[in-house]
Full PDB file with SEQRES, HELIX, SHEET, SSBOND, CRYST1, ORIGX, SCALE, CONECT and MASTER records, all heavy atoms in Angstrom:
SEQRES   1 A   36  GLU SER ILE VAL SER THR SER PRO SER LEU PRO PHE VAL          
SEQRES   2 A   36  ILE ARG THR LEU LEU ALA GLU PHE GLY PRO LYS TRP GLY          
SEQRES   3 A   36  PRO PHE LYS PRO SER THR GLU ARG ASP GLY                      
HELIX    1 AA1 LEU A   10  PHE A   21  1                                  12    
HELIX    2 AA2 GLY A   26  PHE A   28  5                                   3    
HELIX    3 AA3 SER A   31  ARG A   34  1                                   4    
CRYST1    1.000    1.000    1.000  90.00  90.00  90.00 P 1           1          
ORIGX1      1.000000  0.000000  0.000000        0.00000                         
ORIGX2      0.000000  1.000000  0.000000        0.00000                         
ORIGX3      0.000000  0.000000  1.000000        0.00000                         
SCALE1      1.000000  0.000000  0.000000        0.00000                         
SCALE2      0.000000  1.000000  0.000000        0.00000                         
SCALE3      0.000000  0.000000  1.000000        0.00000                         
ATOM      1  N   GLU A   1       0.813  -1.221   0.000  1.00  0.00           N  
ATOM      2  CA  GLU A   1       0.000   0.000   0.000  1.00  0.00           C  
ATOM      3  C   GLU A   1       0.846   1.271   0.000  1.00  0.00           C  
ATOM      4  O   GLU A   1       0.298   2.375  -0.140  1.00  0.00           O  
ATOM      5  CB  GLU A   1      -0.985   0.007   1.180  1.00  0.00           C  
ATOM      6  CG  GLU A   1      -0.345   0.139   2.541  1.00  0.00           C  
ATOM      7  CD  GLU A   1      -0.060  -1.213   3.176  1.00  0.00           C  
ATOM      8  OE1 GLU A   1       0.072  -2.201   2.433  1.00  0.00           O  
ATOM      9  OE2 GLU A   1       0.022  -1.263   4.419  1.00  0.00           O  
ATOM     10  N   SER A   2       2.167   1.125   0.158  1.00  0.00           N  
ATOM     11  CA  SER A   2       3.033   2.292   0.029  1.00  0.00           C  
ATOM     12  C   SER A   2       3.286   2.634  -1.439  1.00  0.00           C  
ATOM     13  O   SER A   2       3.808   3.707  -1.755  1.00  0.00           O  
ATOM     14  CB  SER A   2       4.367   2.045   0.741  1.00  0.00           C  
ATOM     15  OG  SER A   2       5.153   1.085   0.045  1.00  0.00           O  
ATOM     16  N   ILE A   3       2.892   1.731  -2.330  1.00  0.00           N  
ATOM     17  CA  ILE A   3       3.095   1.933  -3.768  1.00  0.00           C  
ATOM     18  C   ILE A   3       1.762   2.033  -4.514  1.00  0.00           C  
ATOM     19  O   ILE A   3       1.613   2.822  -5.442  1.00  0.00           O  
ATOM     20  CB  ILE A   3       3.931   0.774  -4.350  1.00  0.00           C  
ATOM     21  CG1 ILE A   3       5.283   0.725  -3.645  1.00  0.00           C  
ATOM     22  CG2 ILE A   3       4.125   0.932  -5.860  1.00  0.00           C  
ATOM     23  CD1 ILE A   3       6.110  -0.466  -4.017  1.00  0.00           C  
ATOM     24  N   VAL A   4       0.789   1.223  -4.097  1.00  0.00           N  
ATOM     25  CA  VAL A   4      -0.526   1.205  -4.739  1.00  0.00           C  
ATOM     26  C   VAL A   4      -1.576   1.592  -3.703  1.00  0.00           C  
ATOM     27  O   VAL A   4      -1.613   1.018  -2.614  1.00  0.00           O  
ATOM     28  CB  VAL A   4      -0.861  -0.192  -5.305  1.00  0.00           C  
ATOM     29  CG1 VAL A   4      -2.188  -0.153  -6.055  1.00  0.00           C  
ATOM     30  CG2 VAL A   4       0.246  -0.701  -6.191  1.00  0.00           C  
ATOM     31  N   SER A   5      -2.425   2.539  -4.013  1.00  0.00           N  
ATOM     32  CA  SER A   5      -3.461   2.949  -3.069  1.00  0.00           C  
ATOM     33  C   SER A   5      -4.466   1.815  -2.868  1.00  0.00           C  
ATOM     34  O   SER A   5      -4.982   1.240  -3.833  1.00  0.00           O  
ATOM     35  CB  SER A   5      -4.194   4.188  -3.584  1.00  0.00           C  
ATOM     36  OG  SER A   5      -5.297   4.497  -2.740  1.00  0.00           O  
ATOM     37  N   THR A   6      -4.720   1.485  -1.602  1.00  0.00           N  
ATOM     38  CA  THR A   6      -5.730   0.470  -1.281  1.00  0.00           C  
ATOM     39  C   THR A   6      -6.897   1.096  -0.520  1.00  0.00           C  
ATOM     40  O   THR A   6      -7.714   0.367   0.048  1.00  0.00           O  
ATOM     41  CB  THR A   6      -5.101  -0.655  -0.439  1.00  0.00           C  
ATOM     42  OG1 THR A   6      -4.573  -0.092   0.787  1.00  0.00           O  
ATOM     43  CG2 THR A   6      -3.974  -1.348  -1.188  1.00  0.00           C  
ATOM     44  N   SER A   7      -6.967   2.412  -0.508  1.00  0.00           N  
ATOM     45  CA  SER A   7      -8.059   3.085   0.209  1.00  0.00           C  
ATOM     46  C   SER A   7      -9.380   2.835  -0.506  1.00  0.00           C  
ATOM     47  O   SER A   7      -9.553   3.231  -1.665  1.00  0.00           O  
ATOM     48  CB  SER A   7      -7.784   4.591   0.295  1.00  0.00           C  
ATOM     49  OG  SER A   7      -6.620   4.838   1.054  1.00  0.00           O  
ATOM     50  N   PRO A   8     -10.327   2.198   0.153  1.00  0.00           N  
ATOM     51  CA  PRO A   8     -11.592   1.855  -0.507  1.00  0.00           C  
ATOM     52  C   PRO A   8     -12.514   3.056  -0.653  1.00  0.00           C  
ATOM     53  O   PRO A   8     -12.406   4.042   0.085  1.00  0.00           O  
ATOM     54  CB  PRO A   8     -12.203   0.812   0.442  1.00  0.00           C  
ATOM     55  CG  PRO A   8     -11.623   1.134   1.778  1.00  0.00           C  
ATOM     56  CD  PRO A   8     -10.249   1.677   1.524  1.00  0.00           C  
ATOM     57  N   SER A   9     -13.422   2.948  -1.618  1.00  0.00           N  
ATOM     58  CA  SER A   9     -14.427   3.985  -1.814  1.00  0.00           C  
ATOM     59  C   SER A   9     -15.442   3.918  -0.671  1.00  0.00           C  
ATOM     60  O   SER A   9     -15.585   2.892   0.006  1.00  0.00           O  
ATOM     61  CB  SER A   9     -15.149   3.778  -3.145  1.00  0.00           C  
ATOM     62  OG  SER A   9     -15.862   2.551  -3.127  1.00  0.00           O  
ATOM     63  N   LEU A  10     -16.161   5.014  -0.451  1.00  0.00           N  
ATOM     64  CA  LEU A  10     -17.149   5.063   0.628  1.00  0.00           C  
ATOM     65  C   LEU A  10     -18.243   4.000   0.458  1.00  0.00           C  
ATOM     66  O   LEU A  10     -18.583   3.313   1.440  1.00  0.00           O  
ATOM     67  CB  LEU A  10     -17.766   6.460   0.708  1.00  0.00           C  
ATOM     68  CG  LEU A  10     -18.809   6.663   1.825  1.00  0.00           C  
ATOM     69  CD1 LEU A  10     -18.194   6.395   3.188  1.00  0.00           C  
ATOM     70  CD2 LEU A  10     -19.387   8.081   1.763  1.00  0.00           C  
ATOM     71  N   PRO A  11     -18.809   3.802  -0.750  1.00  0.00           N  
ATOM     72  CA  PRO A  11     -19.815   2.737  -0.897  1.00  0.00           C  
ATOM     73  C   PRO A  11     -19.261   1.359  -0.545  1.00  0.00           C  
ATOM     74  O   PRO A  11     -19.964   0.544   0.066  1.00  0.00           O  
ATOM     75  CB  PRO A  11     -20.200   2.833  -2.383  1.00  0.00           C  
ATOM     76  CG  PRO A  11     -19.902   4.238  -2.761  1.00  0.00           C  
ATOM     77  CD  PRO A  11     -18.682   4.607  -1.976  1.00  0.00           C  
ATOM     78  N   PHE A  12     -18.007   1.099  -0.919  1.00  0.00           N  
ATOM     79  CA  PHE A  12     -17.393  -0.193  -0.590  1.00  0.00           C  
ATOM     80  C   PHE A  12     -17.256  -0.335   0.920  1.00  0.00           C  
ATOM     81  O   PHE A  12     -17.527  -1.414   1.482  1.00  0.00           O  
ATOM     82  CB  PHE A  12     -16.026  -0.317  -1.262  1.00  0.00           C  
ATOM     83  CG  PHE A  12     -15.378  -1.661  -1.103  1.00  0.00           C  
ATOM     84  CD1 PHE A  12     -15.581  -2.666  -2.041  1.00  0.00           C  
ATOM     85  CD2 PHE A  12     -14.565  -1.945  -0.012  1.00  0.00           C  
ATOM     86  CE1 PHE A  12     -14.991  -3.913  -1.892  1.00  0.00           C  
ATOM     87  CE2 PHE A  12     -13.971  -3.184   0.146  1.00  0.00           C  
ATOM     88  CZ  PHE A  12     -14.182  -4.170  -0.798  1.00  0.00           C  
ATOM     89  N   VAL A  13     -16.841   0.730   1.591  1.00  0.00           N  
ATOM     90  CA  VAL A  13     -16.695   0.699   3.047  1.00  0.00           C  
ATOM     91  C   VAL A  13     -18.029   0.367   3.704  1.00  0.00           C  
ATOM     92  O   VAL A  13     -18.115  -0.501   4.577  1.00  0.00           O  
ATOM     93  CB  VAL A  13     -16.156   2.042   3.568  1.00  0.00           C  
ATOM     94  CG1 VAL A  13     -16.219   2.081   5.099  1.00  0.00           C  
ATOM     95  CG2 VAL A  13     -14.728   2.274   3.101  1.00  0.00           C  
ATOM     96  N   ILE A  14     -19.086   1.044   3.269  1.00  0.00           N  
ATOM     97  CA  ILE A  14     -20.406   0.837   3.878  1.00  0.00           C  
ATOM     98  C   ILE A  14     -20.886  -0.594   3.656  1.00  0.00           C  
ATOM     99  O   ILE A  14     -21.353  -1.258   4.596  1.00  0.00           O  
ATOM    100  CB  ILE A  14     -21.416   1.856   3.308  1.00  0.00           C  
ATOM    101  CG1 ILE A  14     -21.022   3.279   3.742  1.00  0.00           C  
ATOM    102  CG2 ILE A  14     -22.835   1.519   3.764  1.00  0.00           C  
ATOM    103  CD1 ILE A  14     -21.829   4.374   3.080  1.00  0.00           C  
ATOM    104  N   ARG A  15     -20.775  -1.080   2.416  1.00  0.00           N  
ATOM    105  CA  ARG A  15     -21.222  -2.449   2.111  1.00  0.00           C  
ATOM    106  C   ARG A  15     -20.458  -3.469   2.950  1.00  0.00           C  
ATOM    107  O   ARG A  15     -21.044  -4.412   3.504  1.00  0.00           O  
ATOM    108  CB  ARG A  15     -21.016  -2.760   0.622  1.00  0.00           C  
ATOM    109  CG  ARG A  15     -21.984  -2.071  -0.316  1.00  0.00           C  
ATOM    110  CD  ARG A  15     -21.991  -2.759  -1.679  1.00  0.00           C  
ATOM    111  NE  ARG A  15     -20.655  -2.886  -2.231  1.00  0.00           N  
ATOM    112  CZ  ARG A  15     -20.058  -1.986  -2.987  1.00  0.00           C  
ATOM    113  NH1 ARG A  15     -20.679  -0.843  -3.254  1.00  0.00           N  
ATOM    114  NH2 ARG A  15     -18.842  -2.196  -3.481  1.00  0.00           N  
ATOM    115  N   THR A  16     -19.148  -3.295   3.048  1.00  0.00           N  
ATOM    116  CA  THR A  16     -18.325  -4.264   3.756  1.00  0.00           C  
ATOM    117  C   THR A  16     -18.604  -4.244   5.257  1.00  0.00           C  
ATOM    118  O   THR A  16     -18.710  -5.298   5.898  1.00  0.00           O  
ATOM    119  CB  THR A  16     -16.834  -3.984   3.492  1.00  0.00           C  
ATOM    120  OG1 THR A  16     -16.594  -3.978   2.089  1.00  0.00           O  
ATOM    121  CG2 THR A  16     -15.963  -5.056   4.140  1.00  0.00           C  
ATOM    122  N   LEU A  17     -18.729  -3.059   5.829  1.00  0.00           N  
ATOM    123  CA  LEU A  17     -19.002  -2.969   7.260  1.00  0.00           C  
ATOM    124  C   LEU A  17     -20.374  -3.530   7.604  1.00  0.00           C  
ATOM    125  O   LEU A  17     -20.547  -4.192   8.642  1.00  0.00           O  
ATOM    126  CB  LEU A  17     -18.890  -1.511   7.715  1.00  0.00           C  
ATOM    127  CG  LEU A  17     -17.481  -0.908   7.703  1.00  0.00           C  
ATOM    128  CD1 LEU A  17     -17.525   0.556   8.134  1.00  0.00           C  
ATOM    129  CD2 LEU A  17     -16.529  -1.699   8.608  1.00  0.00           C  
ATOM    130  N   LEU A  18     -21.361  -3.311   6.732  1.00  0.00           N  
ATOM    131  CA  LEU A  18     -22.690  -3.880   6.974  1.00  0.00           C  
ATOM    132  C   LEU A  18     -22.650  -5.405   6.907  1.00  0.00           C  
ATOM    133  O   LEU A  18     -23.275  -6.093   7.716  1.00  0.00           O  
ATOM    134  CB  LEU A  18     -23.687  -3.340   5.947  1.00  0.00           C  
ATOM    135  CG  LEU A  18     -24.252  -1.940   6.211  1.00  0.00           C  
ATOM    136  CD1 LEU A  18     -25.091  -1.473   5.037  1.00  0.00           C  
ATOM    137  CD2 LEU A  18     -25.080  -1.930   7.501  1.00  0.00           C  
ATOM    138  N   ALA A  19     -21.893  -5.939   5.927  1.00  0.00           N  
ATOM    139  CA  ALA A  19     -21.790  -7.393   5.792  1.00  0.00           C  
ATOM    140  C   ALA A  19     -21.087  -8.010   6.990  1.00  0.00           C  
ATOM    141  O   ALA A  19     -21.447  -9.096   7.452  1.00  0.00           O  
ATOM    142  CB  ALA A  19     -21.052  -7.739   4.504  1.00  0.00           C  
ATOM    143  N   GLU A  20     -20.084  -7.302   7.525  1.00  0.00           N  
ATOM    144  CA  GLU A  20     -19.283  -7.851   8.617  1.00  0.00           C  
ATOM    145  C   GLU A  20     -19.942  -7.655   9.980  1.00  0.00           C  
ATOM    146  O   GLU A  20     -19.971  -8.553  10.808  1.00  0.00           O  
ATOM    147  CB  GLU A  20     -17.904  -7.183   8.615  1.00  0.00           C  
ATOM    148  CG  GLU A  20     -16.938  -7.739   9.657  1.00  0.00           C  
ATOM    149  CD  GLU A  20     -16.448  -9.132   9.332  1.00  0.00           C  
ATOM    150  OE1 GLU A  20     -16.477  -9.508   8.143  1.00  0.00           O  
ATOM    151  OE2 GLU A  20     -16.034  -9.846  10.260  1.00  0.00           O  
ATOM    152  N   PHE A  21     -20.490  -6.456  10.220  1.00  0.00           N  
ATOM    153  CA  PHE A  21     -20.964  -6.120  11.560  1.00  0.00           C  
ATOM    154  C   PHE A  21     -22.442  -5.759  11.620  1.00  0.00           C  
ATOM    155  O   PHE A  21     -22.972  -5.518  12.708  1.00  0.00           O  
ATOM    156  CB  PHE A  21     -20.156  -4.936  12.114  1.00  0.00           C  
ATOM    157  CG  PHE A  21     -18.671  -5.178  12.135  1.00  0.00           C  
ATOM    158  CD1 PHE A  21     -17.823  -4.498  11.271  1.00  0.00           C  
ATOM    159  CD2 PHE A  21     -18.121  -6.099  13.011  1.00  0.00           C  
ATOM    160  CE1 PHE A  21     -16.456  -4.711  11.283  1.00  0.00           C  
ATOM    161  CE2 PHE A  21     -16.750  -6.338  13.041  1.00  0.00           C  
ATOM    162  CZ  PHE A  21     -15.912  -5.642  12.171  1.00  0.00           C  
ATOM    163  N   GLY A  22     -23.116  -5.724  10.461  1.00  0.00           N  
ATOM    164  CA  GLY A  22     -24.502  -5.284  10.427  1.00  0.00           C  
ATOM    165  C   GLY A  22     -25.491  -6.372  10.821  1.00  0.00           C  
ATOM    166  O   GLY A  22     -25.119  -7.473  11.243  1.00  0.00           O  
ATOM    167  N   PRO A  23     -26.810  -6.097  10.683  1.00  0.00           N  
ATOM    168  CA  PRO A  23     -27.842  -7.071  11.039  1.00  0.00           C  
ATOM    169  C   PRO A  23     -27.786  -8.293  10.134  1.00  0.00           C  
ATOM    170  O   PRO A  23     -27.284  -8.233   9.013  1.00  0.00           O  
ATOM    171  CB  PRO A  23     -29.147  -6.291  10.822  1.00  0.00           C  
ATOM    172  CG  PRO A  23     -28.792  -5.208   9.837  1.00  0.00           C  
ATOM    173  CD  PRO A  23     -27.369  -4.848  10.146  1.00  0.00           C  
ATOM    174  N   LYS A  24     -28.295  -9.421  10.647  1.00  0.00           N  
ATOM    175  CA  LYS A  24     -28.239 -10.678   9.900  1.00  0.00           C  
ATOM    176  C   LYS A  24     -29.631 -11.115   9.474  1.00  0.00           C  
ATOM    177  O   LYS A  24     -30.031 -12.261   9.632  1.00  0.00           O  
ATOM    178  CB  LYS A  24     -27.576 -11.772  10.767  1.00  0.00           C  
ATOM    179  CG  LYS A  24     -26.203 -11.398  11.305  1.00  0.00           C  
ATOM    180  CD  LYS A  24     -25.213 -11.015  10.203  1.00  0.00           C  
ATOM    181  CE  LYS A  24     -23.871 -10.626  10.764  1.00  0.00           C  
ATOM    182  NZ  LYS A  24     -22.932 -10.129   9.728  1.00  0.00           N  
ATOM    183  N   TRP A  25     -30.392 -10.175   8.923  1.00  0.00           N  
ATOM    184  CA  TRP A  25     -31.730 -10.492   8.437  1.00  0.00           C  
ATOM    185  C   TRP A  25     -31.945  -9.814   7.096  1.00  0.00           C  
ATOM    186  O   TRP A  25     -31.190  -8.936   6.688  1.00  0.00           O  
ATOM    187  CB  TRP A  25     -32.794 -10.060   9.433  1.00  0.00           C  
ATOM    188  CG  TRP A  25     -32.546  -8.702  10.048  1.00  0.00           C  
ATOM    189  CD1 TRP A  25     -31.978  -8.443  11.248  1.00  0.00           C  
ATOM    190  CD2 TRP A  25     -32.851  -7.419   9.473  1.00  0.00           C  
ATOM    191  NE1 TRP A  25     -31.895  -7.092  11.468  1.00  0.00           N  
ATOM    192  CE2 TRP A  25     -32.430  -6.434  10.397  1.00  0.00           C  
ATOM    193  CE3 TRP A  25     -33.434  -7.009   8.265  1.00  0.00           C  
ATOM    194  CZ2 TRP A  25     -32.568  -5.077  10.155  1.00  0.00           C  
ATOM    195  CZ3 TRP A  25     -33.580  -5.648   8.023  1.00  0.00           C  
ATOM    196  CH2 TRP A  25     -33.152  -4.694   8.960  1.00  0.00           C  
ATOM    197  N   GLY A  26     -32.994 -10.223   6.381  1.00  0.00           N  
ATOM    198  CA  GLY A  26     -33.343  -9.620   5.087  1.00  0.00           C  
ATOM    199  C   GLY A  26     -32.180  -9.646   4.121  1.00  0.00           C  
ATOM    200  O   GLY A  26     -31.499 -10.654   3.966  1.00  0.00           O  
ATOM    201  N   PRO A  27     -31.918  -8.507   3.478  1.00  0.00           N  
ATOM    202  CA  PRO A  27     -30.832  -8.463   2.484  1.00  0.00           C  
ATOM    203  C   PRO A  27     -29.449  -8.607   3.125  1.00  0.00           C  
ATOM    204  O   PRO A  27     -28.462  -8.816   2.428  1.00  0.00           O  
ATOM    205  CB  PRO A  27     -30.995  -7.079   1.853  1.00  0.00           C  
ATOM    206  CG  PRO A  27     -31.694  -6.263   2.888  1.00  0.00           C  
ATOM    207  CD  PRO A  27     -32.617  -7.217   3.593  1.00  0.00           C  
ATOM    208  N   PHE A  28     -29.384  -8.505   4.466  1.00  0.00           N  
ATOM    209  CA  PHE A  28     -28.102  -8.622   5.157  1.00  0.00           C  
ATOM    210  C   PHE A  28     -27.855 -10.044   5.659  1.00  0.00           C  
ATOM    211  O   PHE A  28     -26.877 -10.314   6.342  1.00  0.00           O  
ATOM    212  CB  PHE A  28     -28.043  -7.648   6.342  1.00  0.00           C  
ATOM    213  CG  PHE A  28     -28.333  -6.230   5.958  1.00  0.00           C  
ATOM    214  CD1 PHE A  28     -29.517  -5.624   6.344  1.00  0.00           C  
ATOM    215  CD2 PHE A  28     -27.431  -5.516   5.181  1.00  0.00           C  
ATOM    216  CE1 PHE A  28     -29.795  -4.316   5.979  1.00  0.00           C  
ATOM    217  CE2 PHE A  28     -27.702  -4.203   4.820  1.00  0.00           C  
ATOM    218  CZ  PHE A  28     -28.884  -3.608   5.205  1.00  0.00           C  
ATOM    219  N   LYS A  29     -28.772 -10.941   5.339  1.00  0.00           N  
ATOM    220  CA  LYS A  29     -28.626 -12.331   5.771  1.00  0.00           C  
ATOM    221  C   LYS A  29     -27.331 -12.902   5.215  1.00  0.00           C  
ATOM    222  O   LYS A  29     -26.967 -12.628   4.076  1.00  0.00           O  
ATOM    223  CB  LYS A  29     -29.814 -13.149   5.264  1.00  0.00           C  
ATOM    224  CG  LYS A  29     -29.902 -14.559   5.862  1.00  0.00           C  
ATOM    225  CD  LYS A  29     -31.117 -15.312   5.330  1.00  0.00           C  
ATOM    226  CE  LYS A  29     -32.406 -14.691   5.822  1.00  0.00           C  
ATOM    227  NZ  LYS A  29     -33.579 -15.485   5.402  1.00  0.00           N  
ATOM    228  N   PRO A  30     -26.582 -13.702   6.006  1.00  0.00           N  
ATOM    229  CA  PRO A  30     -25.314 -14.264   5.512  1.00  0.00           C  
ATOM    230  C   PRO A  30     -25.483 -15.011   4.204  1.00  0.00           C  
ATOM    231  O   PRO A  30     -26.521 -15.634   3.956  1.00  0.00           O  
ATOM    232  CB  PRO A  30     -24.890 -15.222   6.640  1.00  0.00           C  
ATOM    233  CG  PRO A  30     -25.555 -14.667   7.863  1.00  0.00           C  
ATOM    234  CD  PRO A  30     -26.868 -14.098   7.386  1.00  0.00           C  
ATOM    235  N   SER A  31     -24.454 -14.971   3.375  1.00  0.00           N  
ATOM    236  CA  SER A  31     -24.546 -15.590   2.048  1.00  0.00           C  
ATOM    237  C   SER A  31     -24.757 -17.090   2.143  1.00  0.00           C  
ATOM    238  O   SER A  31     -25.261 -17.702   1.216  1.00  0.00           O  
ATOM    239  CB  SER A  31     -23.291 -15.289   1.224  1.00  0.00           C  
ATOM    240  OG  SER A  31     -22.141 -15.781   1.864  1.00  0.00           O  
ATOM    241  N   THR A  32     -24.384 -17.711   3.267  1.00  0.00           N  
ATOM    242  CA  THR A  32     -24.635 -19.144   3.424  1.00  0.00           C  
ATOM    243  C   THR A  32     -26.125 -19.434   3.362  1.00  0.00           C  
ATOM    244  O   THR A  32     -26.546 -20.479   2.873  1.00  0.00           O  
ATOM    245  CB  THR A  32     -24.084 -19.651   4.761  1.00  0.00           C  
ATOM    246  OG1 THR A  32     -24.482 -18.745   5.789  1.00  0.00           O  
ATOM    247  CG2 THR A  32     -22.584 -19.748   4.724  1.00  0.00           C  
ATOM    248  N   GLU A  33     -26.943 -18.519   3.862  1.00  0.00           N  
ATOM    249  CA  GLU A  33     -28.390 -18.717   3.857  1.00  0.00           C  
ATOM    250  C   GLU A  33     -29.016 -18.231   2.556  1.00  0.00           C  
ATOM    251  O   GLU A  33     -29.973 -18.816   2.053  1.00  0.00           O  
ATOM    252  CB  GLU A  33     -29.006 -17.993   5.050  1.00  0.00           C  
ATOM    253  CG  GLU A  33     -28.517 -18.536   6.392  1.00  0.00           C  
ATOM    254  CD  GLU A  33     -29.107 -17.766   7.564  1.00  0.00           C  
ATOM    255  OE1 GLU A  33     -30.282 -17.345   7.465  1.00  0.00           O  
ATOM    256  OE2 GLU A  33     -28.410 -17.578   8.569  1.00  0.00           O  
ATOM    257  N   ARG A  34     -28.480 -17.141   1.984  1.00  0.00           N  
ATOM    258  CA  ARG A  34     -29.045 -16.615   0.736  1.00  0.00           C  
ATOM    259  C   ARG A  34     -28.765 -17.525  -0.447  1.00  0.00           C  
ATOM    260  O   ARG A  34     -29.605 -17.718  -1.311  1.00  0.00           O  
ATOM    261  CB  ARG A  34     -28.454 -15.233   0.442  1.00  0.00           C  
ATOM    262  CG  ARG A  34     -28.849 -14.135   1.381  1.00  0.00           C  
ATOM    263  CD  ARG A  34     -28.603 -12.781   0.735  1.00  0.00           C  
ATOM    264  NE  ARG A  34     -27.311 -12.692   0.089  1.00  0.00           N  
ATOM    265  CZ  ARG A  34     -26.198 -12.279   0.667  1.00  0.00           C  
ATOM    266  NH1 ARG A  34     -26.201 -11.959   1.951  1.00  0.00           N  
ATOM    267  NH2 ARG A  34     -25.062 -12.205  -0.007  1.00  0.00           N  
ATOM    268  N   ASP A  35     -27.551 -18.072  -0.489  1.00  0.00           N  
ATOM    269  CA  ASP A  35     -27.104 -18.758  -1.700  1.00  0.00           C  
ATOM    270  C   ASP A  35     -26.931 -20.266  -1.538  1.00  0.00           C  
ATOM    271  O   ASP A  35     -26.447 -20.930  -2.443  1.00  0.00           O  
ATOM    272  CB  ASP A  35     -25.776 -18.147  -2.167  1.00  0.00           C  
ATOM    273  CG  ASP A  35     -25.900 -16.649  -2.403  1.00  0.00           C  
ATOM    274  OD1 ASP A  35     -26.692 -16.280  -3.288  1.00  0.00           O  
ATOM    275  OD2 ASP A  35     -25.251 -15.879  -1.705  1.00  0.00           O  
ATOM    276  N   GLY A  36     -27.305 -20.806  -0.397  1.00  0.00           N  
ATOM    277  CA  GLY A  36     -27.256 -22.248  -0.227  1.00  0.00           C  
ATOM    278  C   GLY A  36     -25.854 -22.817  -0.216  1.00  0.00           C  
ATOM    279  O   GLY A  36     -25.615 -23.917  -0.680  1.00  0.00           O  
TER     280      GLY A  36                                                      
MASTER        0    0    0    3    0    0    0    6  279    1    0    3          
END                                                                             
């Protein structure tokens, strides 16, 4: 990261944080349950 920027975009940050720490229902349900 001292040579290539790895700073994520704001939408990516929000999506990732919701997937990792957000609610586990509806569209946020873990992919194990959504995709079998």
